[in-house]
Amino acid sequence: MTTPMQGGAGSKVLADDGPSIQRALEQGRITPADAIAPLARAAHDANVVALRVAACRVLGSLAGRAWDATWEVAERAALVLQEVAREADA
């Protein structure tokens, strides 16, 4: 899966996985708000457990307001983590 991300001079394509999204956040190529949807997809649907865990770690960082995430973004990230936990518990 790929998602177009807003970049400086044009859009960039970014893989929908936790490590790629984390790098994009660190480099300022994606905003915390724009990272939630692809992270949620990766946390739910990644084929490899390690990629689902990596997405959850980035969501956890956003829930803790890393990368200057707003309170609203932090809350959305926390809610995604709750959904993932409920899914794993079912």
PDB file of N, CA and C in Angstrom:
ATOM      1  N   MET A   1       0.829  -1.178   0.000  1.00  0.00           N
ATOM      2  CA  MET A   1       0.000   0.000   0.000  1.00  0.00           C
ATOM      3  C   MET A   1       0.873   1.241   0.000  1.00  0.00           C
ATOM      4  N   THR A   2       0.427   2.232  -0.718  1.00  0.00           N
ATOM      5  CA  THR A   2       1.139   3.498  -0.696  1.00  0.00           C
ATOM      6  C   THR A   2       0.147   4.630  -0.532  1.00  0.00           C
ATOM      7  N   THR A   3       0.625   5.713   0.021  1.00  0.00           N
ATOM      8  CA  THR A   3      -0.197   6.882   0.264  1.00  0.00           C
ATOM      9  C   THR A   3       0.549   8.099  -0.231  1.00  0.00           C
ATOM     10  N   PRO A   4      -0.099   8.998  -0.959  1.00  0.00           N
ATOM     11  CA  PRO A   4       0.592  10.229  -1.337  1.00  0.00           C
ATOM     12  C   PRO A   4       0.745  11.115  -0.112  1.00  0.00           C
ATOM     13  N   MET A   5       1.914  11.636   0.061  1.00  0.00           N
ATOM     14  CA  MET A   5       2.193  12.518   1.183  1.00  0.00           C
ATOM     15  C   MET A   5       2.591  13.873   0.644  1.00  0.00           C
ATOM     16  N   GLN A   6       2.248  14.908   1.342  1.00  0.00           N
ATOM     17  CA  GLN A   6       2.589  16.252   0.912  1.00  0.00           C
ATOM     18  C   GLN A   6       4.050  16.517   1.219  1.00  0.00           C
ATOM     19  N   GLY A   7       4.758  16.965   0.235  1.00  0.00           N
ATOM     20  CA  GLY A   7       6.150  17.316   0.405  1.00  0.00           C
ATOM     21  C   GLY A   7       6.363  18.775   0.075  1.00  0.00           C
ATOM     22  N   GLY A   8       7.594  19.215   0.158  1.00  0.00           N
ATOM     23  CA  GLY A   8       7.892  20.599  -0.110  1.00  0.00           C
ATOM     24  C   GLY A   8       7.593  20.994  -1.548  1.00  0.00           C
ATOM     25  N   ALA A   9       8.266  20.423  -2.516  1.00  0.00           N
ATOM     26  CA  ALA A   9       8.117  20.824  -3.902  1.00  0.00           C
ATOM     27  C   ALA A   9       7.060  20.010  -4.627  1.00  0.00           C
ATOM     28  N   GLY A  10       6.527  18.995  -4.024  1.00  0.00           N
ATOM     29  CA  GLY A  10       5.523  18.147  -4.665  1.00  0.00           C
ATOM     30  C   GLY A  10       5.176  17.007  -3.748  1.00  0.00           C
ATOM     31  N   SER A  11       4.301  16.153  -4.210  1.00  0.00           N
ATOM     32  CA  SER A  11       3.909  15.053  -3.349  1.00  0.00           C
ATOM     33  C   SER A  11       4.912  13.908  -3.460  1.00  0.00           C
ATOM     34  N   LYS A  12       5.060  13.197  -2.378  1.00  0.00           N
ATOM     35  CA  LYS A  12       5.950  12.047  -2.326  1.00  0.00           C
ATOM     36  C   LYS A  12       5.103  10.826  -2.033  1.00  0.00           C
ATOM     37  N   VAL A  13       5.570   9.673  -2.423  1.00  0.00           N
ATOM     38  CA  VAL A  13       4.858   8.444  -2.133  1.00  0.00           C
ATOM     39  C   VAL A  13       5.579   7.761  -0.992  1.00  0.00           C
ATOM     40  N   LEU A  14       4.804   7.294  -0.046  1.00  0.00           N
ATOM     41  CA  LEU A  14       5.341   6.722   1.170  1.00  0.00           C
ATOM     42  C   LEU A  14       4.680   5.376   1.419  1.00  0.00           C
ATOM     43  N   ALA A  15       5.454   4.379   1.768  1.00  0.00           N
ATOM     44  CA  ALA A  15       4.884   3.082   2.113  1.00  0.00           C
ATOM     45  C   ALA A  15       4.062   3.213   3.382  1.00  0.00           C
ATOM     46  N   ASP A  16       2.959   2.477   3.435  1.00  0.00           N
ATOM     47  CA  ASP A  16       2.090   2.502   4.612  1.00  0.00           C
ATOM     48  C   ASP A  16       2.616   1.537   5.663  1.00  0.00           C
ATOM     49  N   ASP A  17       3.759   1.823   6.233  1.00  0.00           N
ATOM     50  CA  ASP A  17       4.256   1.009   7.335  1.00  0.00           C
ATOM     51  C   ASP A  17       4.843   1.933   8.393  1.00  0.00           C
ATOM     52  N   GLY A  18       4.856   1.460   9.619  1.00  0.00           N
ATOM     53  CA  GLY A  18       5.301   2.269  10.743  1.00  0.00           C
ATOM     54  C   GLY A  18       6.665   2.907  10.569  1.00  0.00           C
ATOM     55  N   PRO A  19       7.688   2.140  10.200  1.00  0.00           N
ATOM     56  CA  PRO A  19       9.014   2.745  10.059  1.00  0.00           C
ATOM     57  C   PRO A  19       9.073   3.846   8.998  1.00  0.00           C
ATOM     58  N   SER A  20       8.412   3.643   7.862  1.00  0.00           N
ATOM     59  CA  SER A  20       8.410   4.667   6.809  1.00  0.00           C
ATOM     60  C   SER A  20       7.676   5.922   7.261  1.00  0.00           C
ATOM     61  N   ILE A  21       6.553   5.727   7.926  1.00  0.00           N
ATOM     62  CA  ILE A  21       5.776   6.873   8.402  1.00  0.00           C
ATOM     63  C   ILE A  21       6.537   7.603   9.500  1.00  0.00           C
ATOM     64  N   GLN A  22       7.212   6.865  10.371  1.00  0.00           N
ATOM     65  CA  GLN A  22       8.011   7.508  11.414  1.00  0.00           C
ATOM     66  C   GLN A  22       9.115   8.372  10.794  1.00  0.00           C
ATOM     67  N   ARG A  23       9.810   7.834   9.782  1.00  0.00           N
ATOM     68  CA  ARG A  23      10.848   8.624   9.100  1.00  0.00           C
ATOM     69  C   ARG A  23      10.257   9.879   8.478  1.00  0.00           C
ATOM     70  N   ALA A  24       9.081   9.746   7.871  1.00  0.00           N
ATOM     71  CA  ALA A  24       8.437  10.907   7.254  1.00  0.00           C
ATOM     72  C   ALA A  24       8.069  11.946   8.307  1.00  0.00           C
ATOM     73  N   LEU A  25       7.604  11.500   9.461  1.00  0.00           N
ATOM     74  CA  LEU A  25       7.299  12.430  10.558  1.00  0.00           C
ATOM     75  C   LEU A  25       8.567  13.132  11.028  1.00  0.00           C
ATOM     76  N   GLU A  26       9.628  12.365  11.189  1.00  0.00           N
ATOM     77  CA  GLU A  26      10.896  12.937  11.660  1.00  0.00           C
ATOM     78  C   GLU A  26      11.464  13.941  10.665  1.00  0.00           C
ATOM     79  N   GLN A  27      11.231  13.707   9.379  1.00  0.00           N
ATOM     80  CA  GLN A  27      11.753  14.589   8.336  1.00  0.00           C
ATOM     81  C   GLN A  27      10.777  15.705   7.974  1.00  0.00           C
ATOM     82  N   GLY A  28       9.611  15.714   8.606  1.00  0.00           N
ATOM     83  CA  GLY A  28       8.624  16.752   8.339  1.00  0.00           C
ATOM     84  C   GLY A  28       7.911  16.616   7.008  1.00  0.00           C
ATOM     85  N   ARG A  29       7.928  15.416   6.409  1.00  0.00           N
ATOM     86  CA  ARG A  29       7.264  15.191   5.124  1.00  0.00           C
ATOM     87  C   ARG A  29       5.788  14.866   5.277  1.00  0.00           C
ATOM     88  N   ILE A  30       5.332  14.632   6.504  1.00  0.00           N
ATOM     89  CA  ILE A  30       3.935  14.323   6.785  1.00  0.00           C
ATOM     90  C   ILE A  30       3.609  14.932   8.146  1.00  0.00           C
ATOM     91  N   THR A  31       2.388  15.369   8.299  1.00  0.00           N
ATOM     92  CA  THR A  31       1.970  15.918   9.589  1.00  0.00           C
ATOM     93  C   THR A  31       1.458  14.785  10.476  1.00  0.00           C
ATOM     94  N   PRO A  32       1.475  14.989  11.782  1.00  0.00           N
ATOM     95  CA  PRO A  32       0.911  13.961  12.667  1.00  0.00           C
ATOM     96  C   PRO A  32      -0.537  13.619  12.318  1.00  0.00           C
ATOM     97  N   ALA A  33      -1.334  14.611  11.973  1.00  0.00           N
ATOM     98  CA  ALA A  33      -2.733  14.346  11.630  1.00  0.00           C
ATOM     99  C   ALA A  33      -2.847  13.463  10.386  1.00  0.00           C
ATOM    100  N   ASP A  34      -1.991  13.699   9.404  1.00  0.00           N
ATOM    101  CA  ASP A  34      -2.030  12.905   8.177  1.00  0.00           C
ATOM    102  C   ASP A  34      -1.457  11.505   8.365  1.00  0.00           C
ATOM    103  N   ALA A  35      -0.732  11.278   9.438  1.00  0.00           N
ATOM    104  CA  ALA A  35      -0.125   9.970   9.687  1.00  0.00           C
ATOM    105  C   ALA A  35      -1.102   8.974  10.306  1.00  0.00           C
ATOM    106  N   ILE A  36      -2.171   9.462  10.920  1.00  0.00           N
ATOM    107  CA  ILE A  36      -3.078   8.568  11.658  1.00  0.00           C
ATOM    108  C   ILE A  36      -3.702   7.502  10.754  1.00  0.00           C
ATOM    109  N   ALA A  37      -4.275   7.892   9.636  1.00  0.00           N
ATOM    110  CA  ALA A  37      -4.983   6.922   8.776  1.00  0.00           C
ATOM    111  C   ALA A  37      -4.059   5.819   8.256  1.00  0.00           C
ATOM    112  N   PRO A  38      -2.896   6.145   7.679  1.00  0.00           N
ATOM    113  CA  PRO A  38      -2.042   5.045   7.213  1.00  0.00           C
ATOM    114  C   PRO A  38      -1.498   4.192   8.363  1.00  0.00           C
ATOM    115  N   LEU A  39      -1.265   4.807   9.516  1.00  0.00           N
ATOM    116  CA  LEU A  39      -0.812   4.024  10.671  1.00  0.00           C
ATOM    117  C   LEU A  39      -1.909   3.084  11.146  1.00  0.00           C
ATOM    118  N   ALA A  40      -3.146   3.565  11.145  1.00  0.00           N
ATOM    119  CA  ALA A  40      -4.268   2.711  11.551  1.00  0.00           C
ATOM    120  C   ALA A  40      -4.390   1.519  10.608  1.00  0.00           C
ATOM    121  N   ARG A  41      -4.262   1.772   9.299  1.00  0.00           N
ATOM    122  CA  ARG A  41      -4.312   0.648   8.333  1.00  0.00           C
ATOM    123  C   ARG A  41      -3.188  -0.341   8.601  1.00  0.00           C
ATOM    124  N   ALA A  42      -1.986   0.174   8.821  1.00  0.00           N
ATOM    125  CA  ALA A  42      -0.845  -0.719   9.068  1.00  0.00           C
ATOM    126  C   ALA A  42      -1.026  -1.497  10.361  1.00  0.00           C
ATOM    127  N   ALA A  43      -1.523  -0.852  11.395  1.00  0.00           N
ATOM    128  CA  ALA A  43      -1.711  -1.518  12.692  1.00  0.00           C
ATOM    129  C   ALA A  43      -2.754  -2.627  12.602  1.00  0.00           C
ATOM    130  N   HIS A  44      -3.736  -2.450  11.740  1.00  0.00           N
ATOM    131  CA  HIS A  44      -4.798  -3.452  11.589  1.00  0.00           C
ATOM    132  C   HIS A  44      -4.478  -4.505  10.536  1.00  0.00           C
ATOM    133  N   ASP A  45      -3.831  -4.085   9.434  1.00  0.00           N
ATOM    134  CA  ASP A  45      -3.802  -4.934   8.244  1.00  0.00           C
ATOM    135  C   ASP A  45      -2.426  -5.410   7.779  1.00  0.00           C
ATOM    136  N   ALA A  46      -1.355  -4.949   8.384  1.00  0.00           N
ATOM    137  CA  ALA A  46      -0.030  -5.365   7.900  1.00  0.00           C
ATOM    138  C   ALA A  46       0.091  -6.885   7.958  1.00  0.00           C
ATOM    139  N   ASN A  47       0.741  -7.449   6.950  1.00  0.00           N
ATOM    140  CA  ASN A  47       0.867  -8.906   6.865  1.00  0.00           C
ATOM    141  C   ASN A  47       1.860  -9.480   7.862  1.00  0.00           C
ATOM    142  N   VAL A  48       2.774  -8.655   8.326  1.00  0.00           N
ATOM    143  CA  VAL A  48       3.822  -9.110   9.228  1.00  0.00           C
ATOM    144  C   VAL A  48       3.590  -8.503  10.611  1.00  0.00           C
ATOM    145  N   VAL A  49       3.662  -9.327  11.638  1.00  0.00           N
ATOM    146  CA  VAL A  49       3.423  -8.857  13.005  1.00  0.00           C
ATOM    147  C   VAL A  49       4.357  -7.699  13.358  1.00  0.00           C
ATOM    148  N   ALA A  50       5.614  -7.782  12.944  1.00  0.00           N
ATOM    149  CA  ALA A  50       6.576  -6.730  13.275  1.00  0.00           C
ATOM    150  C   ALA A  50       6.135  -5.378  12.721  1.00  0.00           C
ATOM    151  N   LEU A  51       5.522  -5.360  11.546  1.00  0.00           N
ATOM    152  CA  LEU A  51       5.049  -4.099  10.972  1.00  0.00           C
ATOM    153  C   LEU A  51       3.819  -3.576  11.702  1.00  0.00           C
ATOM    154  N   ARG A  52       2.954  -4.484  12.181  1.00  0.00           N
ATOM    155  CA  ARG A  52       1.804  -4.044  12.979  1.00  0.00           C
ATOM    156  C   ARG A  52       2.284  -3.438  14.288  1.00  0.00           C
ATOM    157  N   VAL A  53       3.273  -4.080  14.911  1.00  0.00           N
ATOM    158  CA  VAL A  53       3.834  -3.565  16.169  1.00  0.00           C
ATOM    159  C   VAL A  53       4.520  -2.218  15.935  1.00  0.00           C
ATOM    160  N   ALA A  54       5.255  -2.099  14.848  1.00  0.00           N
ATOM    161  CA  ALA A  54       5.938  -0.828  14.546  1.00  0.00           C
ATOM    162  C   ALA A  54       4.920   0.291  14.370  1.00  0.00           C
ATOM    163  N   ALA A  55       3.811   0.014  13.699  1.00  0.00           N
ATOM    164  CA  ALA A  55       2.767   1.026  13.521  1.00  0.00           C
ATOM    165  C   ALA A  55       2.177   1.414  14.872  1.00  0.00           C
ATOM    166  N   CYS A  56       1.980   0.437  15.741  1.00  0.00           N
ATOM    167  CA  CYS A  56       1.447   0.723  17.081  1.00  0.00           C
ATOM    168  C   CYS A  56       2.420   1.579  17.894  1.00  0.00           C
ATOM    169  N   ARG A  57       3.695   1.353  17.726  1.00  0.00           N
ATOM    170  CA  ARG A  57       4.684   2.172  18.444  1.00  0.00           C
ATOM    171  C   ARG A  57       4.638   3.621  17.995  1.00  0.00           C
ATOM    172  N   VAL A  58       4.494   3.840  16.702  1.00  0.00           N
ATOM    173  CA  VAL A  58       4.406   5.220  16.206  1.00  0.00           C
ATOM    174  C   VAL A  58       3.094   5.847  16.678  1.00  0.00           C
ATOM    175  N   LEU A  59       2.008   5.079  16.654  1.00  0.00           N
ATOM    176  CA  LEU A  59       0.748   5.586  17.193  1.00  0.00           C
ATOM    177  C   LEU A  59       0.893   5.947  18.670  1.00  0.00           C
ATOM    178  N   GLY A  60       1.619   5.121  19.418  1.00  0.00           N
ATOM    179  CA  GLY A  60       1.866   5.422  20.829  1.00  0.00           C
ATOM    180  C   GLY A  60       2.649   6.709  21.007  1.00  0.00           C
ATOM    181  N   SER A  61       3.603   6.933  20.139  1.00  0.00           N
ATOM    182  CA  SER A  61       4.363   8.185  20.201  1.00  0.00           C
ATOM    183  C   SER A  61       3.460   9.375  19.904  1.00  0.00           C
ATOM    184  N   LEU A  62       2.596   9.225  18.912  1.00  0.00           N
ATOM    185  CA  LEU A  62       1.661  10.308  18.605  1.00  0.00           C
ATOM    186  C   LEU A  62       0.682  10.526  19.753  1.00  0.00           C
ATOM    187  N   ALA A  63       0.248   9.448  20.387  1.00  0.00           N
ATOM    188  CA  ALA A  63      -0.645   9.578  21.541  1.00  0.00           C
ATOM    189  C   ALA A  63       0.043  10.331  22.678  1.00  0.00           C
ATOM    190  N   GLY A  64       1.351  10.225  22.735  1.00  0.00           N
ATOM    191  CA  GLY A  64       2.134  10.960  23.728  1.00  0.00           C
ATOM    192  C   GLY A  64       2.548  12.345  23.251  1.00  0.00           C
ATOM    193  N   ARG A  65       2.007  12.764  22.096  1.00  0.00           N
ATOM    194  CA  ARG A  65       2.196  14.098  21.515  1.00  0.00           C
ATOM    195  C   ARG A  65       3.581  14.328  20.936  1.00  0.00           C
ATOM    196  N   ALA A  66       4.210  13.254  20.464  1.00  0.00           N
ATOM    197  CA  ALA A  66       5.486  13.411  19.754  1.00  0.00           C
ATOM    198  C   ALA A  66       5.238  14.176  18.459  1.00  0.00           C
ATOM    199  N   TRP A  67       6.292  14.740  17.907  1.00  0.00           N
ATOM    200  CA  TRP A  67       6.255  15.501  16.655  1.00  0.00           C
ATOM    201  C   TRP A  67       5.243  16.645  16.726  1.00  0.00           C
ATOM    202  N   ASP A  68       5.084  17.209  17.924  1.00  0.00           N
ATOM    203  CA  ASP A  68       4.174  18.341  18.137  1.00  0.00           C
ATOM    204  C   ASP A  68       2.733  18.034  17.751  1.00  0.00           C
ATOM    205  N   ALA A  69       2.316  16.802  17.981  1.00  0.00           N
ATOM    206  CA  ALA A  69       0.930  16.421  17.703  1.00  0.00           C
ATOM    207  C   ALA A  69       0.000  17.219  18.607  1.00  0.00           C
ATOM    208  N   THR A  70      -1.121  17.623  18.061  1.00  0.00           N
ATOM    209  CA  THR A  70      -2.120  18.329  18.865  1.00  0.00           C
ATOM    210  C   THR A  70      -2.799  17.333  19.805  1.00  0.00           C
ATOM    211  N   TRP A  71      -3.559  17.876  20.750  1.00  0.00           N
ATOM    212  CA  TRP A  71      -4.293  16.998  21.659  1.00  0.00           C
ATOM    213  C   TRP A  71      -5.314  16.165  20.894  1.00  0.00           C
ATOM    214  N   GLU A  72      -5.925  16.742  19.873  1.00  0.00           N
ATOM    215  CA  GLU A  72      -6.915  16.010  19.080  1.00  0.00           C
ATOM    216  C   GLU A  72      -6.269  14.835  18.349  1.00  0.00           C
ATOM    217  N   VAL A  73      -5.106  15.062  17.774  1.00  0.00           N
ATOM    218  CA  VAL A  73      -4.383  13.988  17.085  1.00  0.00           C
ATOM    219  C   VAL A  73      -3.948  12.925  18.089  1.00  0.00           C
ATOM    220  N   ALA A  74      -3.472  13.354  19.241  1.00  0.00           N
ATOM    221  CA  ALA A  74      -3.054  12.405  20.278  1.00  0.00           C
ATOM    222  C   ALA A  74      -4.227  11.525  20.699  1.00  0.00           C
ATOM    223  N   GLU A  75      -5.393  12.137  20.833  1.00  0.00           N
ATOM    224  CA  GLU A  75      -6.580  11.375  21.225  1.00  0.00           C
ATOM    225  C   GLU A  75      -6.967  10.376  20.132  1.00  0.00           C
ATOM    226  N   ARG A  76      -6.917  10.797  18.872  1.00  0.00           N
ATOM    227  CA  ARG A  76      -7.227   9.880  17.772  1.00  0.00           C
ATOM    228  C   ARG A  76      -6.260   8.718  17.735  1.00  0.00           C
ATOM    229  N   ALA A  77      -4.978   8.984  17.964  1.00  0.00           N
ATOM    230  CA  ALA A  77      -3.977   7.909  17.982  1.00  0.00           C
ATOM    231  C   ALA A  77      -4.260   6.933  19.118  1.00  0.00           C
ATOM    232  N   ALA A  78      -4.619   7.459  20.277  1.00  0.00           N
ATOM    233  CA  ALA A  78      -4.937   6.594  21.418  1.00  0.00           C
ATOM    234  C   ALA A  78      -6.161   5.728  21.131  1.00  0.00           C
ATOM    235  N   LEU A  79      -7.152   6.309  20.471  1.00  0.00           N
ATOM    236  CA  LEU A  79      -8.354   5.539  20.141  1.00  0.00           C
ATOM    237  C   LEU A  79      -8.048   4.428  19.142  1.00  0.00           C
ATOM    238  N   VAL A  80      -7.166   4.688  18.190  1.00  0.00           N
ATOM    239  CA  VAL A  80      -6.759   3.633  17.251  1.00  0.00           C
ATOM    240  C   VAL A  80      -6.070   2.503  18.011  1.00  0.00           C
ATOM    241  N   LEU A  81      -5.207   2.866  18.953  1.00  0.00           N
ATOM    242  CA  LEU A  81      -4.533   1.830  19.751  1.00  0.00           C
ATOM    243  C   LEU A  81      -5.539   1.004  20.541  1.00  0.00           C
ATOM    244  N   GLN A  82      -6.579   1.642  21.075  1.00  0.00           N
ATOM    245  CA  GLN A  82      -7.620   0.903  21.786  1.00  0.00           C
ATOM    246  C   GLN A  82      -8.337  -0.066  20.843  1.00  0.00           C
ATOM    247  N   GLU A  83      -8.639   0.379  19.630  1.00  0.00           N
ATOM    248  CA  GLU A  83      -9.279  -0.504  18.644  1.00  0.00           C
ATOM    249  C   GLU A  83      -8.420  -1.719  18.343  1.00  0.00           C
ATOM    250  N   VAL A  84      -7.115  -1.486  18.164  1.00  0.00           N
ATOM    251  CA  VAL A  84      -6.191  -2.574  17.860  1.00  0.00           C
ATOM    252  C   VAL A  84      -6.140  -3.557  19.030  1.00  0.00           C
ATOM    253  N   ALA A  85      -6.116  -3.028  20.242  1.00  0.00           N
ATOM    254  CA  ALA A  85      -6.080  -3.894  21.427  1.00  0.00           C
ATOM    255  C   ALA A  85      -7.351  -4.726  21.540  1.00  0.00           C
ATOM    256  N   ARG A  86      -8.500  -4.116  21.275  1.00  0.00           N
ATOM    257  CA  ARG A  86      -9.760  -4.855  21.317  1.00  0.00           C
ATOM    258  C   ARG A  86      -9.790  -5.943  20.255  1.00  0.00           C
ATOM    259  N   GLU A  87      -9.269  -5.625  19.076  1.00  0.00           N
ATOM    260  CA  GLU A  87      -9.206  -6.586  17.985  1.00  0.00           C
ATOM    261  C   GLU A  87      -8.336  -7.786  18.359  1.00  0.00           C
ATOM    262  N   ALA A  88      -7.209  -7.509  18.995  1.00  0.00           N
ATOM    263  CA  ALA A  88      -6.298  -8.580  19.394  1.00  0.00           C
ATOM    264  C   ALA A  88      -6.874  -9.403  20.536  1.00  0.00           C
ATOM    265  N   ASP A  89      -7.713  -8.780  21.330  1.00  0.00           N
ATOM    266  CA  ASP A  89      -8.317  -9.441  22.489  1.00  0.00           C
ATOM    267  C   ASP A  89      -9.506 -10.323  22.091  1.00  0.00           C
ATOM    268  N   ALA A  90     -10.077 -10.082  20.926  1.00  0.00           N
ATOM    269  CA  ALA A  90     -11.287 -10.792  20.502  1.00  0.00           C
ATOM    270  C   ALA A  90     -11.005 -12.216  20.086  1.00  0.00           C
TER     271      ALA A  90
END
